[in-house]
Amino acid sequence: MRCFPAAVERLTEQFARLPGIGGKTAQRLAFHVLSLPEAEAEEFAEAITEAKRTVRTCPVCQNLTDQALCAICGDEQRDRGTICVVAEPRDVIAMERAREYRGMYHVLHGVISPLNHTGPDDLRIKELLARVGEGGVREVIMATNPDTEGEATAMYLSRLLRPLGVRVTRLAYGIPVGSQLEYADEVTLLRALEGRQEF
């Protein structure tokens, strides 16, 4: 027996399809949307529709944009000889927050993940190889997450890029600032030792 109208059930199902949203959270979001004034609910729906209609990928770096080029690719002050490869558009935001990197980006829109049926052909790898193949790129920085899929993707890309005569590097990672050695796992400690620098 159905407890709520079909429209509420459908709205809950749509929210539940979002990543990281379980059944209870989806139901809570659906009820919140229903409690909004009509104008706010329409504004919410219009924001979704407008984003789907106007946002596309940058033809150069594959980041999200609503212009001919994204803001980073359109910035003439950026170092075009360095490309930082990230898995998702939100990773660009994370890198930019540090305000240290002044090169270009390439967004793969995922990582190689056999469990999720994502292979190299599902990612924006051809576009990266074409960019590097055009020349002018000195270094490609692998900035995928330090997990199994991220490591596999970085290794796969480095094998493809090295024959093109470009330097391929990986972000250093290890013990986070503010943490304690006793809580670090063996792999994290190994990476921290391997990535040590002059002090």
Foldseek 3Di string as FASTA:
>chain_A
DDPDDPVLVVQLVVQCPDPPAHNVNSSVVSVVLVPDDPVVNVVVVVVVVVCVVQWFAALQAGAIDNDVHHPLVPDPQAQAQEEEEEAHNVVVVVVVVVVPHRHHYHYFPHFDDVVVPDHSVNTPLVSVCVSVLVDNHAEYEQEYDPDPRSVVRLVVSCVVCVVSVHHYYYDQAADDPPDDPVPGDPVRNVSCVVPDDDD
